[in-house]
């Protein structure tokens, strides 16, 4: 079973405390990929 350690790390650059206000479109793209199960799990090997 996958764990959080195997999940792809996402860094939102140039965003402050209110991510949804600073980088809303970028965050929405990652959420959309997650919902569509297209956000790949990274291999830690």
C-alpha atoms as a PDB file:
ATOM      1  CA  UNK A   1       0.000   0.000   0.000  1.00  0.00           C
ATOM      2  CA  UNK A   2       1.457   3.408  -0.946  1.00  0.00           C
ATOM      3  CA  UNK A   3       2.335   5.796   1.839  1.00  0.00           C
ATOM      4  CA  UNK A   4       2.954   9.542   1.984  1.00  0.00           C
ATOM      5  CA  UNK A   5       6.703   8.892   1.807  1.00  0.00           C
ATOM      6  CA  UNK A   6       6.199   7.540  -1.716  1.00  0.00           C
ATOM      7  CA  UNK A   7       4.051  10.451  -2.872  1.00  0.00           C
ATOM      8  CA  UNK A   8       5.440  12.969  -5.342  1.00  0.00           C
ATOM      9  CA  UNK A   9       6.666  16.121  -3.594  1.00  0.00           C
ATOM     10  CA  UNK A  10       5.108  19.326  -4.904  1.00  0.00           C
ATOM     11  CA  UNK A  11       6.674  22.743  -4.319  1.00  0.00           C
ATOM     12  CA  UNK A  12       4.593  25.824  -5.052  1.00  0.00           C
ATOM     13  CA  UNK A  13       7.129  28.593  -5.725  1.00  0.00           C
ATOM     14  CA  UNK A  14       6.554  32.288  -5.039  1.00  0.00           C
ATOM     15  CA  UNK A  15       3.500  31.718  -2.861  1.00  0.00           C
ATOM     16  CA  UNK A  16       2.917  33.124   0.594  1.00  0.00           C
ATOM     17  CA  UNK A  17       0.659  32.108   3.443  1.00  0.00           C
ATOM     18  CA  UNK A  18      -2.543  32.135   1.360  1.00  0.00           C
ATOM     19  CA  UNK A  19      -1.620  29.669  -1.373  1.00  0.00           C
ATOM     20  CA  UNK A  20      -5.085  29.705  -2.919  1.00  0.00           C
ATOM     21  CA  UNK A  21      -4.821  33.459  -3.483  1.00  0.00           C
ATOM     22  CA  UNK A  22      -1.216  33.532  -4.688  1.00  0.00           C
ATOM     23  CA  UNK A  23      -1.187  30.397  -6.852  1.00  0.00           C
ATOM     24  CA  UNK A  24      -4.799  29.279  -7.133  1.00  0.00           C
ATOM     25  CA  UNK A  25      -4.603  28.094 -10.746  1.00  0.00           C
ATOM     26  CA  UNK A  26      -1.474  26.017 -10.100  1.00  0.00           C
ATOM     27  CA  UNK A  27      -2.981  24.390  -7.013  1.00  0.00           C
ATOM     28  CA  UNK A  28      -6.199  23.667  -8.920  1.00  0.00           C
ATOM     29  CA  UNK A  29      -4.179  21.850 -11.597  1.00  0.00           C
ATOM     30  CA  UNK A  30      -2.603  19.572  -8.967  1.00  0.00           C
ATOM     31  CA  UNK A  31      -5.991  18.906  -7.355  1.00  0.00           C
ATOM     32  CA  UNK A  32      -7.460  18.062 -10.763  1.00  0.00           C
ATOM     33  CA  UNK A  33      -4.625  15.612 -11.463  1.00  0.00           C
ATOM     34  CA  UNK A  34      -5.096  14.022  -8.048  1.00  0.00           C
ATOM     35  CA  UNK A  35      -8.839  13.577  -8.568  1.00  0.00           C
ATOM     36  CA  UNK A  36      -8.243  12.075 -12.016  1.00  0.00           C
ATOM     37  CA  UNK A  37      -5.608   9.772 -10.426  1.00  0.00           C
ATOM     38  CA  UNK A  38      -2.920  11.125 -12.746  1.00  0.00           C
ATOM     39  CA  UNK A  39      -0.658  12.500 -10.031  1.00  0.00           C
ATOM     40  CA  UNK A  40       2.121   9.914 -10.178  1.00  0.00           C
ATOM     41  CA  UNK A  41       3.626   8.262  -7.137  1.00  0.00           C
ATOM     42  CA  UNK A  42       7.383   8.767  -7.100  1.00  0.00           C
ATOM     43  CA  UNK A  43       9.706   5.786  -6.754  1.00  0.00           C
ATOM     44  CA  UNK A  44      12.060   6.102  -3.778  1.00  0.00           C
ATOM     45  CA  UNK A  45      14.658   3.604  -4.938  1.00  0.00           C
END
